[in-house]
Amino acid sequence: MKTKPSTLVVEDLNVTKMLKNQYLAKAIAEQSFYEFKRQIVYKSEQYGIEVVYADDLYTICKRCSQCGNINRHFDPNNPIYRCEYCGFSVDRDVHASMNLAQYQRYPSPSGN
C-alpha cells in the first residue's frame, strides 16, 4: 500500500510582491516562507518526492476544477468559488487544492 505521494505541488508565492502590501507586510515577513520552502524541499528529497511549483496560481484560482472554464468574474474575496459555466460551487480554498491536485507542470529548473 502506497503511503507517500510521488509528487508535491506547492504554490510558488511571490513574497516580494506580497510584502508591498502595507497592511500585511509585517505578518508576511514573520511567517518565514523561505525556511518553510527549504524544509519542504529537504524532506521531499529525503523521501524521494518530486516538488512541483505552481507558478500561475491566479489562473488556478479562476479555472473551474470540474469543467475547466476560466471564470471571468472571479472574486478573490468571496469564500465560495462558483463556476459561471457549469454551476459548480465549493469553498475557495478547497477549490484551489483541487486544481493543484490536477496541476501538470514540470519542476522549476532553478530548484526554486
PDB file of N, CA and C in Angstrom:
ATOM      1  N   MET A   1       0.843  -1.185   0.000  1.00  0.00           N
ATOM      2  CA  MET A   1       0.000   0.000   0.000  1.00  0.00           C
ATOM      3  C   MET A   1       0.891   1.252   0.000  1.00  0.00           C
ATOM      4  N   LYS A   2       0.584   2.169  -0.910  1.00  0.00           N
ATOM      5  CA  LYS A   2       1.359   3.407  -1.030  1.00  0.00           C
ATOM      6  C   LYS A   2       0.990   4.357   0.100  1.00  0.00           C
ATOM      7  N   THR A   3       2.002   4.834   0.822  1.00  0.00           N
ATOM      8  CA  THR A   3       1.735   5.708   1.972  1.00  0.00           C
ATOM      9  C   THR A   3       2.275   7.117   1.802  1.00  0.00           C
ATOM     10  N   LYS A   4       3.013   7.365   0.717  1.00  0.00           N
ATOM     11  CA  LYS A   4       3.525   8.717   0.496  1.00  0.00           C
ATOM     12  C   LYS A   4       3.240   9.149  -0.931  1.00  0.00           C
ATOM     13  N   PRO A   5       3.103  10.445  -1.141  1.00  0.00           N
ATOM     14  CA  PRO A   5       2.842  10.927  -2.505  1.00  0.00           C
ATOM     15  C   PRO A   5       4.110  10.834  -3.354  1.00  0.00           C
ATOM     16  N   SER A   6       3.937  10.752  -4.657  1.00  0.00           N
ATOM     17  CA  SER A   6       5.095  10.769  -5.553  1.00  0.00           C
ATOM     18  C   SER A   6       5.437  12.196  -5.950  1.00  0.00           C
ATOM     19  N   THR A   7       4.450  13.086  -5.835  1.00  0.00           N
ATOM     20  CA  THR A   7       4.629  14.480  -6.230  1.00  0.00           C
ATOM     21  C   THR A   7       3.941  15.394  -5.218  1.00  0.00           C
ATOM     22  N   LEU A   8       4.578  16.522  -4.936  1.00  0.00           N
ATOM     23  CA  LEU A   8       4.010  17.545  -4.066  1.00  0.00           C
ATOM     24  C   LEU A   8       3.922  18.831  -4.874  1.00  0.00           C
ATOM     25  N   VAL A   9       2.719  19.365  -5.030  1.00  0.00           N
ATOM     26  CA  VAL A   9       2.529  20.612  -5.773  1.00  0.00           C
ATOM     27  C   VAL A   9       2.402  21.742  -4.762  1.00  0.00           C
ATOM     28  N   VAL A  10       3.274  22.749  -4.915  1.00  0.00           N
ATOM     29  CA  VAL A  10       3.349  23.857  -3.973  1.00  0.00           C
ATOM     30  C   VAL A  10       3.128  25.165  -4.722  1.00  0.00           C
ATOM     31  N   GLU A  11       2.344  26.038  -4.140  1.00  0.00           N
ATOM     32  CA  GLU A  11       2.145  27.370  -4.714  1.00  0.00           C
ATOM     33  C   GLU A  11       3.450  28.141  -4.630  1.00  0.00           C
ATOM     34  N   ASP A  12       3.893  28.684  -5.735  1.00  0.00           N
ATOM     35  CA  ASP A  12       5.129  29.466  -5.771  1.00  0.00           C
ATOM     36  C   ASP A  12       4.785  30.918  -5.458  1.00  0.00           C
ATOM     37  N   LEU A  13       4.810  31.250  -4.184  1.00  0.00           N
ATOM     38  CA  LEU A  13       4.405  32.579  -3.732  1.00  0.00           C
ATOM     39  C   LEU A  13       5.414  33.645  -4.128  1.00  0.00           C
ATOM     40  N   ASN A  14       4.907  34.793  -4.538  1.00  0.00           N
ATOM     41  CA  ASN A  14       5.744  35.944  -4.832  1.00  0.00           C
ATOM     42  C   ASN A  14       5.774  36.793  -3.557  1.00  0.00           C
ATOM     43  N   VAL A  15       6.651  36.405  -2.643  1.00  0.00           N
ATOM     44  CA  VAL A  15       6.707  37.055  -1.334  1.00  0.00           C
ATOM     45  C   VAL A  15       7.096  38.522  -1.457  1.00  0.00           C
ATOM     46  N   THR A  16       7.988  38.846  -2.379  1.00  0.00           N
ATOM     47  CA  THR A  16       8.403  40.238  -2.565  1.00  0.00           C
ATOM     48  C   THR A  16       7.203  41.115  -2.900  1.00  0.00           C
ATOM     49  N   LYS A  17       6.357  40.630  -3.782  1.00  0.00           N
ATOM     50  CA  LYS A  17       5.153  41.382  -4.148  1.00  0.00           C
ATOM     51  C   LYS A  17       4.191  41.476  -2.959  1.00  0.00           C
ATOM     52  N   MET A  18       4.078  40.385  -2.201  1.00  0.00           N
ATOM     53  CA  MET A  18       3.180  40.378  -1.043  1.00  0.00           C
ATOM     54  C   MET A  18       3.634  41.375   0.023  1.00  0.00           C
ATOM     55  N   LEU A  19       4.950  41.564   0.151  1.00  0.00           N
ATOM     56  CA  LEU A  19       5.482  42.486   1.158  1.00  0.00           C
ATOM     57  C   LEU A  19       5.181  43.947   0.834  1.00  0.00           C
ATOM     58  N   LYS A  20       4.775  44.232  -0.379  1.00  0.00           N
ATOM     59  CA  LYS A  20       4.431  45.602  -0.762  1.00  0.00           C
ATOM     60  C   LYS A  20       3.089  46.048  -0.189  1.00  0.00           C
ATOM     61  N   ASN A  21       2.303  45.086   0.280  1.00  0.00           N
ATOM     62  CA  ASN A  21       1.020  45.413   0.903  1.00  0.00           C
ATOM     63  C   ASN A  21       1.299  45.893   2.328  1.00  0.00           C
ATOM     64  N   GLN A  22       1.124  47.174   2.566  1.00  0.00           N
ATOM     65  CA  GLN A  22       1.485  47.758   3.863  1.00  0.00           C
ATOM     66  C   GLN A  22       0.697  47.177   5.031  1.00  0.00           C
ATOM     67  N   TYR A  23      -0.477  46.624   4.752  1.00  0.00           N
ATOM     68  CA  TYR A  23      -1.300  46.073   5.819  1.00  0.00           C
ATOM     69  C   TYR A  23      -0.872  44.658   6.210  1.00  0.00           C
ATOM     70  N   LEU A  24      -0.255  43.958   5.276  1.00  0.00           N
ATOM     71  CA  LEU A  24       0.113  42.568   5.526  1.00  0.00           C
ATOM     72  C   LEU A  24       1.612  42.336   5.664  1.00  0.00           C
ATOM     73  N   ALA A  25       2.427  43.313   5.341  1.00  0.00           N
ATOM     74  CA  ALA A  25       3.877  43.127   5.261  1.00  0.00           C
ATOM     75  C   ALA A  25       4.481  42.532   6.535  1.00  0.00           C
ATOM     76  N   LYS A  26       4.134  43.051   7.678  1.00  0.00           N
ATOM     77  CA  LYS A  26       4.727  42.559   8.927  1.00  0.00           C
ATOM     78  C   LYS A  26       4.349  41.100   9.176  1.00  0.00           C
ATOM     79  N   ALA A  27       3.085  40.778   9.016  1.00  0.00           N
ATOM     80  CA  ALA A  27       2.628  39.407   9.247  1.00  0.00           C
ATOM     81  C   ALA A  27       3.276  38.440   8.256  1.00  0.00           C
ATOM     82  N   ILE A  28       3.409  38.857   7.016  1.00  0.00           N
ATOM     83  CA  ILE A  28       4.025  38.003   5.996  1.00  0.00           C
ATOM     84  C   ILE A  28       5.504  37.810   6.295  1.00  0.00           C
ATOM     85  N   ALA A  29       6.187  38.871   6.665  1.00  0.00           N
ATOM     86  CA  ALA A  29       7.613  38.777   6.974  1.00  0.00           C
ATOM     87  C   ALA A  29       7.880  37.841   8.151  1.00  0.00           C
ATOM     88  N   GLU A  30       6.952  37.760   9.075  1.00  0.00           N
ATOM     89  CA  GLU A  30       7.125  36.911  10.264  1.00  0.00           C
ATOM     90  C   GLU A  30       6.859  35.429   9.990  1.00  0.00           C
ATOM     91  N   GLN A  31       6.360  35.088   8.814  1.00  0.00           N
ATOM     92  CA  GLN A  31       5.976  33.704   8.528  1.00  0.00           C
ATOM     93  C   GLN A  31       7.125  32.795   8.103  1.00  0.00           C
ATOM     94  N   SER A  32       8.267  33.333   7.787  1.00  0.00           N
ATOM     95  CA  SER A  32       9.441  32.539   7.404  1.00  0.00           C
ATOM     96  C   SER A  32       9.160  31.607   6.231  1.00  0.00           C
ATOM     97  N   PHE A  33       8.623  32.163   5.139  1.00  0.00           N
ATOM     98  CA  PHE A  33       8.307  31.365   3.967  1.00  0.00           C
ATOM     99  C   PHE A  33       9.535  30.657   3.408  1.00  0.00           C
ATOM    100  N   TYR A  34      10.686  31.333   3.428  1.00  0.00           N
ATOM    101  CA  TYR A  34      11.892  30.719   2.879  1.00  0.00           C
ATOM    102  C   TYR A  34      12.239  29.445   3.647  1.00  0.00           C
ATOM    103  N   GLU A  35      12.198  29.507   4.957  1.00  0.00           N
ATOM    104  CA  GLU A  35      12.532  28.330   5.770  1.00  0.00           C
ATOM    105  C   GLU A  35      11.516  27.217   5.546  1.00  0.00           C
ATOM    106  N   PHE A  36      10.263  27.564   5.440  1.00  0.00           N
ATOM    107  CA  PHE A  36       9.219  26.573   5.180  1.00  0.00           C
ATOM    108  C   PHE A  36       9.477  25.876   3.847  1.00  0.00           C
ATOM    109  N   LYS A  37       9.768  26.668   2.817  1.00  0.00           N
ATOM    110  CA  LYS A  37      10.048  26.117   1.489  1.00  0.00           C
ATOM    111  C   LYS A  37      11.305  25.240   1.525  1.00  0.00           C
ATOM    112  N   ARG A  38      12.327  25.691   2.232  1.00  0.00           N
ATOM    113  CA  ARG A  38      13.567  24.927   2.342  1.00  0.00           C
ATOM    114  C   ARG A  38      13.311  23.568   2.988  1.00  0.00           C
ATOM    115  N   GLN A  39      12.495  23.552   4.030  1.00  0.00           N
ATOM    116  CA  GLN A  39      12.176  22.300   4.710  1.00  0.00           C
ATOM    117  C   GLN A  39      11.361  21.361   3.817  1.00  0.00           C
ATOM    118  N   ILE A  40      10.446  21.912   3.045  1.00  0.00           N
ATOM    119  CA  ILE A  40       9.666  21.088   2.118  1.00  0.00           C
ATOM    120  C   ILE A  40      10.593  20.419   1.113  1.00  0.00           C
ATOM    121  N   VAL A  41      11.514  21.185   0.545  1.00  0.00           N
ATOM    122  CA  VAL A  41      12.446  20.636  -0.447  1.00  0.00           C
ATOM    123  C   VAL A  41      13.337  19.585   0.204  1.00  0.00           C
ATOM    124  N   TYR A  42      13.868  19.884   1.374  1.00  0.00           N
ATOM    125  CA  TYR A  42      14.753  18.958   2.082  1.00  0.00           C
ATOM    126  C   TYR A  42      14.050  17.638   2.387  1.00  0.00           C
ATOM    127  N   LYS A  43      12.876  17.700   2.959  1.00  0.00           N
ATOM    128  CA  LYS A  43      12.134  16.484   3.317  1.00  0.00           C
ATOM    129  C   LYS A  43      11.680  15.724   2.082  1.00  0.00           C
ATOM    130  N   SER A  44      11.293  16.438   1.040  1.00  0.00           N
ATOM    131  CA  SER A  44      10.866  15.779  -0.195  1.00  0.00           C
ATOM    132  C   SER A  44      12.019  15.008  -0.822  1.00  0.00           C
ATOM    133  N   GLU A  45      13.198  15.626  -0.871  1.00  0.00           N
ATOM    134  CA  GLU A  45      14.374  14.943  -1.402  1.00  0.00           C
ATOM    135  C   GLU A  45      14.716  13.720  -0.563  1.00  0.00           C
ATOM    136  N   GLN A  46      14.594  13.856   0.738  1.00  0.00           N
ATOM    137  CA  GLN A  46      14.904  12.765   1.662  1.00  0.00           C
ATOM    138  C   GLN A  46      14.014  11.542   1.401  1.00  0.00           C
ATOM    139  N   TYR A  47      12.753  11.779   1.025  1.00  0.00           N
ATOM    140  CA  TYR A  47      11.805  10.694   0.813  1.00  0.00           C
ATOM    141  C   TYR A  47      11.522  10.398  -0.657  1.00  0.00           C
ATOM    142  N   GLY A  48      12.273  11.028  -1.562  1.00  0.00           N
ATOM    143  CA  GLY A  48      12.114  10.761  -2.983  1.00  0.00           C
ATOM    144  C   GLY A  48      10.817  11.286  -3.583  1.00  0.00           C
ATOM    145  N   ILE A  49      10.355  12.422  -3.082  1.00  0.00           N
ATOM    146  CA  ILE A  49       9.118  13.028  -3.568  1.00  0.00           C
ATOM    147  C   ILE A  49       9.468  14.221  -4.461  1.00  0.00           C
ATOM    148  N   GLU A  50       8.902  14.245  -5.645  1.00  0.00           N
ATOM    149  CA  GLU A  50       9.132  15.345  -6.579  1.00  0.00           C
ATOM    150  C   GLU A  50       8.348  16.581  -6.123  1.00  0.00           C
ATOM    151  N   VAL A  51       8.995  17.748  -6.142  1.00  0.00           N
ATOM    152  CA  VAL A  51       8.326  19.004  -5.796  1.00  0.00           C
ATOM    153  C   VAL A  51       8.077  19.785  -7.087  1.00  0.00           C
ATOM    154  N   VAL A  52       6.821  20.165  -7.309  1.00  0.00           N
ATOM    155  CA  VAL A  52       6.419  20.933  -8.490  1.00  0.00           C
ATOM    156  C   VAL A  52       5.876  22.269  -8.002  1.00  0.00           C
ATOM    157  N   TYR A  53       6.316  23.358  -8.635  1.00  0.00           N
ATOM    158  CA  TYR A  53       5.873  24.693  -8.243  1.00  0.00           C
ATOM    159  C   TYR A  53       4.807  25.201  -9.201  1.00  0.00           C
ATOM    160  N   ALA A  54       3.650  25.522  -8.671  1.00  0.00           N
ATOM    161  CA  ALA A  54       2.553  26.077  -9.464  1.00  0.00           C
ATOM    162  C   ALA A  54       2.791  27.573  -9.589  1.00  0.00           C
ATOM    163  N   ASP A  55       3.176  28.012 -10.771  1.00  0.00           N
ATOM    164  CA  ASP A  55       3.576  29.403 -10.954  1.00  0.00           C
ATOM    165  C   ASP A  55       2.477  30.344 -11.404  1.00  0.00           C
ATOM    166  N   ASP A  56       1.317  29.814 -11.777  1.00  0.00           N
ATOM    167  CA  ASP A  56       0.243  30.707 -12.215  1.00  0.00           C
ATOM    168  C   ASP A  56      -1.001  30.469 -11.372  1.00  0.00           C
ATOM    169  N   LEU A  57      -0.878  30.701 -10.088  1.00  0.00           N
ATOM    170  CA  LEU A  57      -1.979  30.397  -9.170  1.00  0.00           C
ATOM    171  C   LEU A  57      -3.216  31.231  -9.476  1.00  0.00           C
ATOM    172  N   TYR A  58      -3.035  32.421 -10.032  1.00  0.00           N
ATOM    173  CA  TYR A  58      -4.196  33.248 -10.361  1.00  0.00           C
ATOM    174  C   TYR A  58      -5.107  32.498 -11.331  1.00  0.00           C
ATOM    175  N   THR A  59      -4.483  31.843 -12.334  1.00  0.00           N
ATOM    176  CA  THR A  59      -5.266  31.041 -13.280  1.00  0.00           C
ATOM    177  C   THR A  59      -5.835  29.814 -12.584  1.00  0.00           C
ATOM    178  N   ILE A  60      -5.078  29.224 -11.680  1.00  0.00           N
ATOM    179  CA  ILE A  60      -5.565  28.055 -10.949  1.00  0.00           C
ATOM    180  C   ILE A  60      -6.811  28.421 -10.144  1.00  0.00           C
ATOM    181  N   CYS A  61      -6.824  29.582  -9.555  1.00  0.00           N
ATOM    182  CA  CYS A  61      -7.987  30.007  -8.768  1.00  0.00           C
ATOM    183  C   CYS A  61      -9.192  30.300  -9.653  1.00  0.00           C
ATOM    184  N   LYS A  62      -8.961  30.794 -10.855  1.00  0.00           N
ATOM    185  CA  LYS A  62     -10.056  31.173 -11.749  1.00  0.00           C
ATOM    186  C   LYS A  62     -10.594  30.006 -12.568  1.00  0.00           C
ATOM    187  N   ARG A  63      -9.800  28.955 -12.753  1.00  0.00           N
ATOM    188  CA  ARG A  63     -10.202  27.819 -13.594  1.00  0.00           C
ATOM    189  C   ARG A  63     -11.075  26.855 -12.796  1.00  0.00           C
ATOM    190  N   CYS A  64     -12.235  26.495 -13.356  1.00  0.00           N
ATOM    191  CA  CYS A  64     -13.132  25.544 -12.703  1.00  0.00           C
ATOM    192  C   CYS A  64     -12.485  24.164 -12.695  1.00  0.00           C
ATOM    193  N   SER A  65     -12.406  23.542 -11.533  1.00  0.00           N
ATOM    194  CA  SER A  65     -11.779  22.230 -11.408  1.00  0.00           C
ATOM    195  C   SER A  65     -12.646  21.127 -12.010  1.00  0.00           C
ATOM    196  N   GLN A  66     -13.905  21.429 -12.303  1.00  0.00           N
ATOM    197  CA  GLN A  66     -14.809  20.427 -12.856  1.00  0.00           C
ATOM    198  C   GLN A  66     -14.903  20.480 -14.374  1.00  0.00           C
ATOM    199  N   CYS A  67     -15.063  21.678 -14.929  1.00  0.00           N
ATOM    200  CA  CYS A  67     -15.273  21.789 -16.381  1.00  0.00           C
ATOM    201  C   CYS A  67     -14.123  22.487 -17.108  1.00  0.00           C
ATOM    202  N   GLY A  68     -13.208  23.144 -16.380  1.00  0.00           N
ATOM    203  CA  GLY A  68     -12.063  23.812 -16.998  1.00  0.00           C
ATOM    204  C   GLY A  68     -12.320  25.232 -17.459  1.00  0.00           C
ATOM    205  N   ASN A  69     -13.539  25.722 -17.295  1.00  0.00           N
ATOM    206  CA  ASN A  69     -13.877  27.080 -17.703  1.00  0.00           C
ATOM    207  C   ASN A  69     -13.099  28.105 -16.869  1.00  0.00           C
ATOM    208  N   ILE A  70     -12.644  29.186 -17.523  1.00  0.00           N
ATOM    209  CA  ILE A  70     -11.987  30.280 -16.807  1.00  0.00           C
ATOM    210  C   ILE A  70     -13.078  31.271 -16.398  1.00  0.00           C
ATOM    211  N   ASN A  71     -13.232  31.471 -15.105  1.00  0.00           N
ATOM    212  CA  ASN A  71     -14.261  32.350 -14.562  1.00  0.00           C
ATOM    213  C   ASN A  71     -13.818  33.803 -14.706  1.00  0.00           C
ATOM    214  N   ARG A  72     -14.423  34.538 -15.598  1.00  0.00           N
ATOM    215  CA  ARG A  72     -14.038  35.930 -15.854  1.00  0.00           C
ATOM    216  C   ARG A  72     -14.436  36.865 -14.725  1.00  0.00           C
ATOM    217  N   HIS A  73     -15.406  36.478 -13.916  1.00  0.00           N
ATOM    218  CA  HIS A  73     -15.880  37.329 -12.832  1.00  0.00           C
ATOM    219  C   HIS A  73     -15.458  36.782 -11.469  1.00  0.00           C
ATOM    220  N   PHE A  74     -14.281  36.163 -11.422  1.00  0.00           N
ATOM    221  CA  PHE A  74     -13.763  35.596 -10.181  1.00  0.00           C
ATOM    222  C   PHE A  74     -13.540  36.694  -9.148  1.00  0.00           C
ATOM    223  N   ASP A  75     -14.078  36.496  -7.948  1.00  0.00           N
ATOM    224  CA  ASP A  75     -13.910  37.451  -6.852  1.00  0.00           C
ATOM    225  C   ASP A  75     -13.021  36.809  -5.795  1.00  0.00           C
ATOM    226  N   PRO A  76     -11.750  37.238  -5.680  1.00  0.00           N
ATOM    227  CA  PRO A  76     -10.837  36.607  -4.727  1.00  0.00           C
ATOM    228  C   PRO A  76     -11.235  36.829  -3.264  1.00  0.00           C
ATOM    229  N   ASN A  77     -12.159  37.736  -3.019  1.00  0.00           N
ATOM    230  CA  ASN A  77     -12.597  37.991  -1.642  1.00  0.00           C
ATOM    231  C   ASN A  77     -13.792  37.129  -1.236  1.00  0.00           C
ATOM    232  N   ASN A  78     -14.394  36.436  -2.193  1.00  0.00           N
ATOM    233  CA  ASN A  78     -15.539  35.581  -1.905  1.00  0.00           C
ATOM    234  C   ASN A  78     -15.036  34.222  -1.414  1.00  0.00           C
ATOM    235  N   PRO A  79     -15.495  33.755  -0.244  1.00  0.00           N
ATOM    236  CA  PRO A  79     -15.008  32.471   0.276  1.00  0.00           C
ATOM    237  C   PRO A  79     -15.545  31.256  -0.480  1.00  0.00           C
ATOM    238  N   ILE A  80     -16.504  31.467  -1.374  1.00  0.00           N
ATOM    239  CA  ILE A  80     -17.090  30.375  -2.150  1.00  0.00           C
ATOM    240  C   ILE A  80     -16.764  30.576  -3.631  1.00  0.00           C
ATOM    241  N   TYR A  81     -16.225  29.543  -4.266  1.00  0.00           N
ATOM    242  CA  TYR A  81     -15.988  29.590  -5.711  1.00  0.00           C
ATOM    243  C   TYR A  81     -17.245  29.084  -6.404  1.00  0.00           C
ATOM    244  N   ARG A  82     -17.717  29.831  -7.383  1.00  0.00           N
ATOM    245  CA  ARG A  82     -18.867  29.421  -8.185  1.00  0.00           C
ATOM    246  C   ARG A  82     -18.505  29.541  -9.664  1.00  0.00           C
ATOM    247  N   CYS A  83     -18.669  28.439 -10.397  1.00  0.00           N
ATOM    248  CA  CYS A  83     -18.391  28.453 -11.830  1.00  0.00           C
ATOM    249  C   CYS A  83     -19.580  29.059 -12.553  1.00  0.00           C
ATOM    250  N   GLU A  84     -19.311  30.067 -13.353  1.00  0.00           N
ATOM    251  CA  GLU A  84     -20.375  30.729 -14.107  1.00  0.00           C
ATOM    252  C   GLU A  84     -20.851  29.883 -15.283  1.00  0.00           C
ATOM    253  N   TYR A  85     -20.114  28.821 -15.629  1.00  0.00           N
ATOM    254  CA  TYR A  85     -20.480  27.989 -16.776  1.00  0.00           C
ATOM    255  C   TYR A  85     -21.262  26.736 -16.356  1.00  0.00           C
ATOM    256  N   CYS A  86     -20.676  25.923 -15.433  1.00  0.00           N
ATOM    257  CA  CYS A  86     -21.325  24.661 -15.070  1.00  0.00           C
ATOM    258  C   CYS A  86     -22.086  24.729 -13.751  1.00  0.00           C
ATOM    259  N   GLY A  87     -21.898  25.828 -12.988  1.00  0.00           N
ATOM    260  CA  GLY A  87     -22.612  25.998 -11.733  1.00  0.00           C
ATOM    261  C   GLY A  87     -21.964  25.329 -10.540  1.00  0.00           C
ATOM    262  N   PHE A  88     -20.796  24.709 -10.726  1.00  0.00           N
ATOM    263  CA  PHE A  88     -20.088  24.060  -9.622  1.00  0.00           C
ATOM    264  C   PHE A  88     -19.796  25.086  -8.529  1.00  0.00           C
ATOM    265  N   SER A  89     -20.011  24.712  -7.278  1.00  0.00           N
ATOM    266  CA  SER A  89     -19.815  25.621  -6.149  1.00  0.00           C
ATOM    267  C   SER A  89     -19.111  24.873  -5.021  1.00  0.00           C
ATOM    268  N   VAL A  90     -18.072  25.493  -4.473  1.00  0.00           N
ATOM    269  CA  VAL A  90     -17.296  24.867  -3.403  1.00  0.00           C
ATOM    270  C   VAL A  90     -16.498  25.949  -2.670  1.00  0.00           C
ATOM    271  N   ASP A  91     -16.028  25.632  -1.475  1.00  0.00           N
ATOM    272  CA  ASP A  91     -15.159  26.536  -0.720  1.00  0.00           C
ATOM    273  C   ASP A  91     -13.945  26.908  -1.577  1.00  0.00           C
ATOM    274  N   ARG A  92     -13.568  28.177  -1.568  1.00  0.00           N
ATOM    275  CA  ARG A  92     -12.477  28.684  -2.406  1.00  0.00           C
ATOM    276  C   ARG A  92     -11.160  27.956  -2.163  1.00  0.00           C
ATOM    277  N   ASP A  93     -10.819  27.685  -0.913  1.00  0.00           N
ATOM    278  CA  ASP A  93      -9.563  27.006  -0.600  1.00  0.00           C
ATOM    279  C   ASP A  93      -9.591  25.541  -1.037  1.00  0.00           C
ATOM    280  N   VAL A  94     -10.725  24.892  -0.871  1.00  0.00           N
ATOM    281  CA  VAL A  94     -10.878  23.502  -1.330  1.00  0.00           C
ATOM    282  C   VAL A  94     -10.739  23.466  -2.846  1.00  0.00           C
ATOM    283  N   HIS A  95     -11.347  24.447  -3.510  1.00  0.00           N
ATOM    284  CA  HIS A  95     -11.271  24.519  -4.967  1.00  0.00           C
ATOM    285  C   HIS A  95      -9.828  24.686  -5.431  1.00  0.00           C
ATOM    286  N   ALA A  96      -9.068  25.557  -4.783  1.00  0.00           N
ATOM    287  CA  ALA A  96      -7.658  25.748  -5.153  1.00  0.00           C
ATOM    288  C   ALA A  96      -6.880  24.450  -4.968  1.00  0.00           C
ATOM    289  N   SER A  97      -7.152  23.714  -3.902  1.00  0.00           N
ATOM    290  CA  SER A  97      -6.440  22.452  -3.681  1.00  0.00           C
ATOM    291  C   SER A  97      -6.824  21.415  -4.734  1.00  0.00           C
ATOM    292  N   MET A  98      -8.068  21.436  -5.185  1.00  0.00           N
ATOM    293  CA  MET A  98      -8.498  20.519  -6.247  1.00  0.00           C
ATOM    294  C   MET A  98      -7.746  20.825  -7.548  1.00  0.00           C
ATOM    295  N   ASN A  99      -7.580  22.108  -7.845  1.00  0.00           N
ATOM    296  CA  ASN A  99      -6.838  22.490  -9.042  1.00  0.00           C
ATOM    297  C   ASN A  99      -5.358  22.163  -8.907  1.00  0.00           C
ATOM    298  N   LEU A 100      -4.789  22.340  -7.725  1.00  0.00           N
ATOM    299  CA  LEU A 100      -3.384  21.986  -7.518  1.00  0.00           C
ATOM    300  C   LEU A 100      -3.177  20.482  -7.675  1.00  0.00           C
ATOM    301  N   ALA A 101      -4.155  19.687  -7.270  1.00  0.00           N
ATOM    302  CA  ALA A 101      -4.061  18.230  -7.425  1.00  0.00           C
ATOM    303  C   ALA A 101      -4.042  17.849  -8.907  1.00  0.00           C
ATOM    304  N   GLN A 102      -4.653  18.668  -9.749  1.00  0.00           N
ATOM    305  CA  GLN A 102      -4.698  18.408 -11.190  1.00  0.00           C
ATOM    306  C   GLN A 102      -3.560  19.101 -11.939  1.00  0.00           C
ATOM    307  N   TYR A 103      -2.763  19.895 -11.245  1.00  0.00           N
ATOM    308  CA  TYR A 103      -1.723  20.708 -11.864  1.00  0.00           C
ATOM    309  C   TYR A 103      -0.678  19.825 -12.537  1.00  0.00           C
ATOM    310  N   GLN A 104      -0.322  20.166 -13.774  1.00  0.00           N
ATOM    311  CA  GLN A 104       0.649  19.364 -14.509  1.00  0.00           C
ATOM    312  C   GLN A 104       1.680  20.266 -15.172  1.00  0.00           C
ATOM    313  N   ARG A 105       2.682  20.595 -14.416  1.00  0.00           N
ATOM    314  CA  ARG A 105       3.821  21.352 -14.939  1.00  0.00           C
ATOM    315  C   ARG A 105       5.073  20.634 -14.481  1.00  0.00           C
ATOM    316  N   TYR A 106       6.187  21.066 -14.975  1.00  0.00           N
ATOM    317  CA  TYR A 106       7.460  20.469 -14.587  1.00  0.00           C
ATOM    318  C   TYR A 106       8.088  21.259 -13.454  1.00  0.00           C
ATOM    319  N   PRO A 107       8.973  20.638 -12.675  1.00  0.00           N
ATOM    320  CA  PRO A 107       9.627  21.357 -11.574  1.00  0.00           C
ATOM    321  C   PRO A 107      10.409  22.559 -12.107  1.00  0.00           C
ATOM    322  N   SER A 108      10.530  23.555 -11.258  1.00  0.00           N
ATOM    323  CA  SER A 108      11.281  24.746 -11.625  1.00  0.00           C
ATOM    324  C   SER A 108      12.727  24.361 -11.921  1.00  0.00           C
ATOM    325  N   PRO A 109      13.289  24.768 -13.089  1.00  0.00           N
ATOM    326  CA  PRO A 109      14.666  24.381 -13.421  1.00  0.00           C
ATOM    327  C   PRO A 109      15.682  24.941 -12.452  1.00  0.00           C
ATOM    328  N   SER A 110      15.342  26.056 -11.801  1.00  0.00           N
ATOM    329  CA  SER A 110      16.292  26.659 -10.856  1.00  0.00           C
ATOM    330  C   SER A 110      16.217  26.015  -9.497  1.00  0.00           C
ATOM    331  N   GLY A 111      15.232  25.109  -9.295  1.00  0.00           N
ATOM    332  CA  GLY A 111      15.091  24.457  -7.998  1.00  0.00           C
ATOM    333  C   GLY A 111      14.375  25.317  -6.995  1.00  0.00           C
ATOM    334  N   ASN A 112      13.803  26.455  -7.422  1.00  0.00           N
ATOM    335  CA  ASN A 112      13.103  27.370  -6.516  1.00  0.00           C
ATOM    336  C   ASN A 112      11.634  27.098  -6.493  1.00  0.00           C
TER     337      ASN A 112
END
